[in-house]
Each structure stands twice: as C-alpha cells, then as structure tokens.
Amino acid sequence: MREITQVLVAAVGLAFLLPLVTVAAFHFNVGIPFIGALFLFVSVFVLVFDRMGEDGAVDGAEE
C-alpha cells in the first residue's frame, strides 16, 4: 500500500474507532487505565512499524 493510503486508512479508522473505544471503556468503568494502555500500544506499534524496512524485516535482524 502506498504511504498516503496507509495514512488515510489510519486516520479514518482512528476517527471512528477511537471515540467508540473510549466511550466503551468509560461505560465499563475502566476508562483511564484502558486509554493509557491503548496509547502505549499504539506508540509501540508505530515505533516497531517505523523500524521495519520495505521487506518487512526488522532492521538489524539476521537473515
């Protein structure tokens, strides 16, 4: 997928998914810890995805 398509899919997905997840988390009284864990997961995912090359392998990994 091209980079702009990835950005658009992520933006649209987060625009609808993040508010729904936030409302559900507060409805079940797990709001603040759940939102913190969600942002931590997204941050780690973005960091790992950024370190991956075009071939899908993590940079520095032996082949």
PDB file of N, CA and C in Angstrom:
ATOM      1  N   MET A   1       0.844  -1.175   0.000  1.00  0.00           N
ATOM      2  CA  MET A   1       0.000   0.000   0.000  1.00  0.00           C
ATOM      3  C   MET A   1       0.891   1.240   0.000  1.00  0.00           C
ATOM      4  N   ARG A   2       0.476   2.232  -0.692  1.00  0.00           N
ATOM      5  CA  ARG A   2       1.259   3.467  -0.702  1.00  0.00           C
ATOM      6  C   ARG A   2       1.128   4.183   0.634  1.00  0.00           C
ATOM      7  N   GLU A   3       2.087   5.024   0.933  1.00  0.00           N
ATOM      8  CA  GLU A   3       2.121   5.688   2.233  1.00  0.00           C
ATOM      9  C   GLU A   3       0.891   6.558   2.466  1.00  0.00           C
ATOM     10  N   ILE A   4       0.461   7.292   1.448  1.00  0.00           N
ATOM     11  CA  ILE A   4      -0.693   8.172   1.632  1.00  0.00           C
ATOM     12  C   ILE A   4      -1.954   7.365   1.907  1.00  0.00           C
ATOM     13  N   THR A   5      -2.073   6.203   1.277  1.00  0.00           N
ATOM     14  CA  THR A   5      -3.230   5.343   1.528  1.00  0.00           C
ATOM     15  C   THR A   5      -3.202   4.824   2.955  1.00  0.00           C
ATOM     16  N   GLN A   6      -2.021   4.455   3.446  1.00  0.00           N
ATOM     17  CA  GLN A   6      -1.899   3.988   4.824  1.00  0.00           C
ATOM     18  C   GLN A   6      -2.291   5.083   5.802  1.00  0.00           C
ATOM     19  N   VAL A   7      -1.872   6.293   5.522  1.00  0.00           N
ATOM     20  CA  VAL A   7      -2.195   7.412   6.407  1.00  0.00           C
ATOM     21  C   VAL A   7      -3.695   7.675   6.404  1.00  0.00           C
ATOM     22  N   LEU A   8      -4.310   7.661   5.234  1.00  0.00           N
ATOM     23  CA  LEU A   8      -5.756   7.905   5.151  1.00  0.00           C
ATOM     24  C   LEU A   8      -6.554   6.816   5.847  1.00  0.00           C
ATOM     25  N   VAL A   9      -6.178   5.560   5.645  1.00  0.00           N
ATOM     26  CA  VAL A   9      -6.881   4.450   6.300  1.00  0.00           C
ATOM     27  C   VAL A   9      -6.736   4.559   7.811  1.00  0.00           C
ATOM     28  N   ALA A  10      -5.534   4.866   8.283  1.00  0.00           N
ATOM     29  CA  ALA A  10      -5.316   5.005   9.725  1.00  0.00           C
ATOM     30  C   ALA A  10      -6.107   6.176  10.295  1.00  0.00           C
ATOM     31  N   ALA A  11      -6.124   7.298   9.593  1.00  0.00           N
ATOM     32  CA  ALA A  11      -6.836   8.476  10.088  1.00  0.00           C
ATOM     33  C   ALA A  11      -8.341   8.238  10.159  1.00  0.00           C
ATOM     34  N   VAL A  12      -8.900   7.660   9.118  1.00  0.00           N
ATOM     35  CA  VAL A  12     -10.342   7.388   9.110  1.00  0.00           C
ATOM     36  C   VAL A  12     -10.686   6.335  10.156  1.00  0.00           C
ATOM     37  N   GLY A  13      -9.848   5.307  10.256  1.00  0.00           N
ATOM     38  CA  GLY A  13     -10.085   4.264  11.257  1.00  0.00           C
ATOM     39  C   GLY A  13     -10.062   4.820  12.667  1.00  0.00           C
ATOM     40  N   LEU A  14      -9.069   5.657  12.971  1.00  0.00           N
ATOM     41  CA  LEU A  14      -8.983   6.240  14.306  1.00  0.00           C
ATOM     42  C   LEU A  14     -10.103   7.239  14.563  1.00  0.00           C
ATOM     43  N   ALA A  15     -10.550   7.935  13.531  1.00  0.00           N
ATOM     44  CA  ALA A  15     -11.618   8.915  13.709  1.00  0.00           C
ATOM     45  C   ALA A  15     -12.917   8.254  14.165  1.00  0.00           C
ATOM     46  N   PHE A  16     -13.156   7.024  13.741  1.00  0.00           N
ATOM     47  CA  PHE A  16     -14.376   6.322  14.143  1.00  0.00           C
ATOM     48  C   PHE A  16     -14.133   5.357  15.296  1.00  0.00           C
ATOM     49  N   LEU A  17     -12.999   4.678  15.285  1.00  0.00           N
ATOM     50  CA  LEU A  17     -12.751   3.621  16.264  1.00  0.00           C
ATOM     51  C   LEU A  17     -12.377   4.172  17.634  1.00  0.00           C
ATOM     52  N   LEU A  18     -11.510   5.174  17.683  1.00  0.00           N
ATOM     53  CA  LEU A  18     -11.043   5.688  18.965  1.00  0.00           C
ATOM     54  C   LEU A  18     -12.166   6.266  19.830  1.00  0.00           C
ATOM     55  N   PRO A  19     -13.083   7.071  19.293  1.00  0.00           N
ATOM     56  CA  PRO A  19     -14.191   7.533  20.143  1.00  0.00           C
ATOM     57  C   PRO A  19     -15.086   6.395  20.638  1.00  0.00           C
ATOM     58  N   LEU A  20     -15.336   5.401  19.795  1.00  0.00           N
ATOM     59  CA  LEU A  20     -16.164   4.272  20.229  1.00  0.00           C
ATOM     60  C   LEU A  20     -15.494   3.488  21.343  1.00  0.00           C
ATOM     61  N   VAL A  21     -14.196   3.247  21.209  1.00  0.00           N
ATOM     62  CA  VAL A  21     -13.454   2.515  22.241  1.00  0.00           C
ATOM     63  C   VAL A  21     -13.408   3.317  23.536  1.00  0.00           C
ATOM     64  N   THR A  22     -13.248   4.623  23.430  1.00  0.00           N
ATOM     65  CA  THR A  22     -13.207   5.474  24.619  1.00  0.00           C
ATOM     66  C   THR A  22     -14.540   5.448  25.358  1.00  0.00           C
ATOM     67  N   VAL A  23     -15.628   5.573  24.647  1.00  0.00           N
ATOM     68  CA  VAL A  23     -16.954   5.532  25.276  1.00  0.00           C
ATOM     69  C   VAL A  23     -17.195   4.171  25.915  1.00  0.00           C
ATOM     70  N   ALA A  24     -16.824   3.104  25.230  1.00  0.00           N
ATOM     71  CA  ALA A  24     -16.997   1.756  25.789  1.00  0.00           C
ATOM     72  C   ALA A  24     -16.155   1.569  27.042  1.00  0.00           C
ATOM     73  N   ALA A  25     -14.930   2.082  27.045  1.00  0.00           N
ATOM     74  CA  ALA A  25     -14.053   1.936  28.212  1.00  0.00           C
ATOM     75  C   ALA A  25     -14.638   2.646  29.427  1.00  0.00           C
ATOM     76  N   PHE A  26     -15.138   3.853  29.250  1.00  0.00           N
ATOM     77  CA  PHE A  26     -15.721   4.567  30.378  1.00  0.00           C
ATOM     78  C   PHE A  26     -17.058   3.961  30.793  1.00  0.00           C
ATOM     79  N   HIS A  27     -17.774   3.363  29.876  1.00  0.00           N
ATOM     80  CA  HIS A  27     -19.031   2.696  30.210  1.00  0.00           C
ATOM     81  C   HIS A  27     -18.785   1.511  31.144  1.00  0.00           C
ATOM     82  N   PHE A  28     -17.673   0.798  30.933  1.00  0.00           N
ATOM     83  CA  PHE A  28     -17.338  -0.361  31.764  1.00  0.00           C
ATOM     84  C   PHE A  28     -16.423   0.006  32.928  1.00  0.00           C
ATOM     85  N   ASN A  29     -16.287   1.309  33.223  1.00  0.00           N
ATOM     86  CA  ASN A  29     -15.515   1.816  34.359  1.00  0.00           C
ATOM     87  C   ASN A  29     -14.048   1.396  34.343  1.00  0.00           C
ATOM     88  N   VAL A  30     -13.447   1.322  33.173  1.00  0.00           N
ATOM     89  CA  VAL A  30     -12.015   1.044  33.054  1.00  0.00           C
ATOM     90  C   VAL A  30     -11.359   2.130  32.203  1.00  0.00           C
ATOM     91  N   GLY A  31     -11.917   3.317  32.231  1.00  0.00           N
ATOM     92  CA  GLY A  31     -11.539   4.379  31.308  1.00  0.00           C
ATOM     93  C   GLY A  31     -10.078   4.764  31.272  1.00  0.00           C
ATOM     94  N   ILE A  32      -9.560   5.365  32.344  1.00  0.00           N
ATOM     95  CA  ILE A  32      -8.221   5.950  32.316  1.00  0.00           C
ATOM     96  C   ILE A  32      -7.134   4.894  32.101  1.00  0.00           C
ATOM     97  N   PRO A  33      -7.110   3.779  32.840  1.00  0.00           N
ATOM     98  CA  PRO A  33      -6.061   2.776  32.573  1.00  0.00           C
ATOM     99  C   PRO A  33      -6.150   2.191  31.163  1.00  0.00           C
ATOM    100  N   PHE A  34      -7.353   1.990  30.666  1.00  0.00           N
ATOM    101  CA  PHE A  34      -7.518   1.427  29.325  1.00  0.00           C
ATOM    102  C   PHE A  34      -7.014   2.390  28.263  1.00  0.00           C
ATOM    103  N   ILE A  35      -7.333   3.659  28.401  1.00  0.00           N
ATOM    104  CA  ILE A  35      -6.885   4.652  27.429  1.00  0.00           C
ATOM    105  C   ILE A  35      -5.363   4.771  27.474  1.00  0.00           C
ATOM    106  N   GLY A  36      -4.776   4.732  28.670  1.00  0.00           N
ATOM    107  CA  GLY A  36      -3.317   4.762  28.785  1.00  0.00           C
ATOM    108  C   GLY A  36      -2.673   3.569  28.107  1.00  0.00           C
ATOM    109  N   ALA A  37      -3.236   2.382  28.326  1.00  0.00           N
ATOM    110  CA  ALA A  37      -2.710   1.173  27.685  1.00  0.00           C
ATOM    111  C   ALA A  37      -2.883   1.233  26.171  1.00  0.00           C
ATOM    112  N   LEU A  38      -3.987   1.784  25.712  1.00  0.00           N
ATOM    113  CA  LEU A  38      -4.230   1.911  24.277  1.00  0.00           C
ATOM    114  C   LEU A  38      -3.185   2.813  23.621  1.00  0.00           C
ATOM    115  N   PHE A  39      -2.913   3.957  24.237  1.00  0.00           N
ATOM    116  CA  PHE A  39      -1.908   4.856  23.673  1.00  0.00           C
ATOM    117  C   PHE A  39      -0.511   4.246  23.735  1.00  0.00           C
ATOM    118  N   LEU A  40      -0.203   3.501  24.793  1.00  0.00           N
ATOM    119  CA  LEU A  40       1.086   2.822  24.877  1.00  0.00           C
ATOM    120  C   LEU A  40       1.221   1.789  23.768  1.00  0.00           C
ATOM    121  N   PHE A  41       0.160   1.016  23.535  1.00  0.00           N
ATOM    122  CA  PHE A  41       0.176   0.015  22.468  1.00  0.00           C
ATOM    123  C   PHE A  41       0.370   0.666  21.104  1.00  0.00           C
ATOM    124  N   VAL A  42      -0.349   1.743  20.844  1.00  0.00           N
ATOM    125  CA  VAL A  42      -0.227   2.427  19.554  1.00  0.00           C
ATOM    126  C   VAL A  42       1.184   2.991  19.382  1.00  0.00           C
ATOM    127  N   SER A  43       1.750   3.555  20.441  1.00  0.00           N
ATOM    128  CA  SER A  43       3.107   4.104  20.360  1.00  0.00           C
ATOM    129  C   SER A  43       4.131   3.029  20.047  1.00  0.00           C
ATOM    130  N   VAL A  44       4.042   1.891  20.726  1.00  0.00           N
ATOM    131  CA  VAL A  44       4.979   0.789  20.471  1.00  0.00           C
ATOM    132  C   VAL A  44       4.774   0.242  19.063  1.00  0.00           C
ATOM    133  N   PHE A  45       3.524   0.122  18.632  1.00  0.00           N
ATOM    134  CA  PHE A  45       3.241  -0.375  17.285  1.00  0.00           C
ATOM    135  C   PHE A  45       3.844   0.542  16.226  1.00  0.00           C
ATOM    136  N   VAL A  46       3.675   1.848  16.394  1.00  0.00           N
ATOM    137  CA  VAL A  46       4.223   2.801  15.431  1.00  0.00           C
ATOM    138  C   VAL A  46       5.747   2.742  15.432  1.00  0.00           C
ATOM    139  N   LEU A  47       6.361   2.624  16.608  1.00  0.00           N
ATOM    140  CA  LEU A  47       7.814   2.536  16.693  1.00  0.00           C
ATOM    141  C   LEU A  47       8.333   1.297  15.976  1.00  0.00           C
ATOM    142  N   VAL A  48       7.716   0.142  16.220  1.00  0.00           N
ATOM    143  CA  VAL A  48       8.148  -1.096  15.571  1.00  0.00           C
ATOM    144  C   VAL A  48       7.891  -1.024  14.071  1.00  0.00           C
ATOM    145  N   PHE A  49       6.729  -0.520  13.670  1.00  0.00           N
ATOM    146  CA  PHE A  49       6.404  -0.420  12.251  1.00  0.00           C
ATOM    147  C   PHE A  49       7.364   0.520  11.536  1.00  0.00           C
ATOM    148  N   ASP A  50       7.776   1.599  12.210  1.00  0.00           N
ATOM    149  CA  ASP A  50       8.704   2.550  11.615  1.00  0.00           C
ATOM    150  C   ASP A  50      10.081   1.926  11.412  1.00  0.00           C
ATOM    151  N   ARG A  51      10.484   1.027  12.281  1.00  0.00           N
ATOM    152  CA  ARG A  51      11.798   0.390  12.175  1.00  0.00           C
ATOM    153  C   ARG A  51      11.820  -0.737  11.150  1.00  0.00           C
ATOM    154  N   MET A  52      10.671  -1.141  10.665  1.00  0.00           N
ATOM    155  CA  MET A  52      10.626  -2.197   9.657  1.00  0.00           C
ATOM    156  C   MET A  52      10.971  -1.612   8.294  1.00  0.00           C
ATOM    157  N   GLY A  53      11.699  -2.378   7.511  1.00  0.00           N
ATOM    158  CA  GLY A  53      12.065  -1.914   6.178  1.00  0.00           C
ATOM    159  C   GLY A  53      10.987  -2.269   5.174  1.00  0.00           C
ATOM    160  N   GLU A  54      11.273  -2.039   3.921  1.00  0.00           N
ATOM    161  CA  GLU A  54      10.330  -2.351   2.847  1.00  0.00           C
ATOM    162  C   GLU A  54      10.065  -3.846   2.735  1.00  0.00           C
ATOM    163  N   ASP A  55      11.057  -4.670   3.122  1.00  0.00           N
ATOM    164  CA  ASP A  55      10.894  -6.119   3.003  1.00  0.00           C
ATOM    165  C   ASP A  55      10.133  -6.724   4.175  1.00  0.00           C
ATOM    166  N   GLY A  56       9.791  -5.921   5.156  1.00  0.00           N
ATOM    167  CA  GLY A  56       9.020  -6.414   6.291  1.00  0.00           C
ATOM    168  C   GLY A  56       9.869  -6.951   7.417  1.00  0.00           C
ATOM    169  N   ALA A  57      11.185  -6.945   7.269  1.00  0.00           N
ATOM    170  CA  ALA A  57      12.073  -7.436   8.315  1.00  0.00           C
ATOM    171  C   ALA A  57      12.505  -6.271   9.200  1.00  0.00           C
ATOM    172  N   VAL A  58      12.709  -6.566  10.463  1.00  0.00           N
ATOM    173  CA  VAL A  58      13.177  -5.545  11.385  1.00  0.00           C
ATOM    174  C   VAL A  58      14.631  -5.239  11.057  1.00  0.00           C
ATOM    175  N   ASP A  59      14.975  -3.950  11.011  1.00  0.00           N
ATOM    176  CA  ASP A  59      16.353  -3.562  10.696  1.00  0.00           C
ATOM    177  C   ASP A  59      17.315  -4.147  11.718  1.00  0.00           C
ATOM    178  N   GLY A  60      18.420  -4.686  11.248  1.00  0.00           N
ATOM    179  CA  GLY A  60      19.432  -5.251  12.127  1.00  0.00           C
ATOM    180  C   GLY A  60      19.229  -6.718  12.423  1.00  0.00           C
ATOM    181  N   ALA A  61      18.132  -7.287  12.003  1.00  0.00           N
ATOM    182  CA  ALA A  61      17.878  -8.708  12.250  1.00  0.00           C
ATOM    183  C   ALA A  61      18.674  -9.542  11.256  1.00  0.00           C
ATOM    184  N   GLU A  62      19.188 -10.670  11.744  1.00  0.00           N
ATOM    185  CA  GLU A  62      19.939 -11.555  10.857  1.00  0.00           C
ATOM    186  C   GLU A  62      18.992 -12.315   9.953  1.00  0.00           C
ATOM    187  N   GLU A  63      19.484 -12.628   8.763  1.00  0.00           N
ATOM    188  CA  GLU A  63      18.628 -13.322   7.805  1.00  0.00           C
ATOM    189  C   GLU A  63      18.868 -14.794   7.835  1.00  0.00           C
TER     190      GLU A  63
END
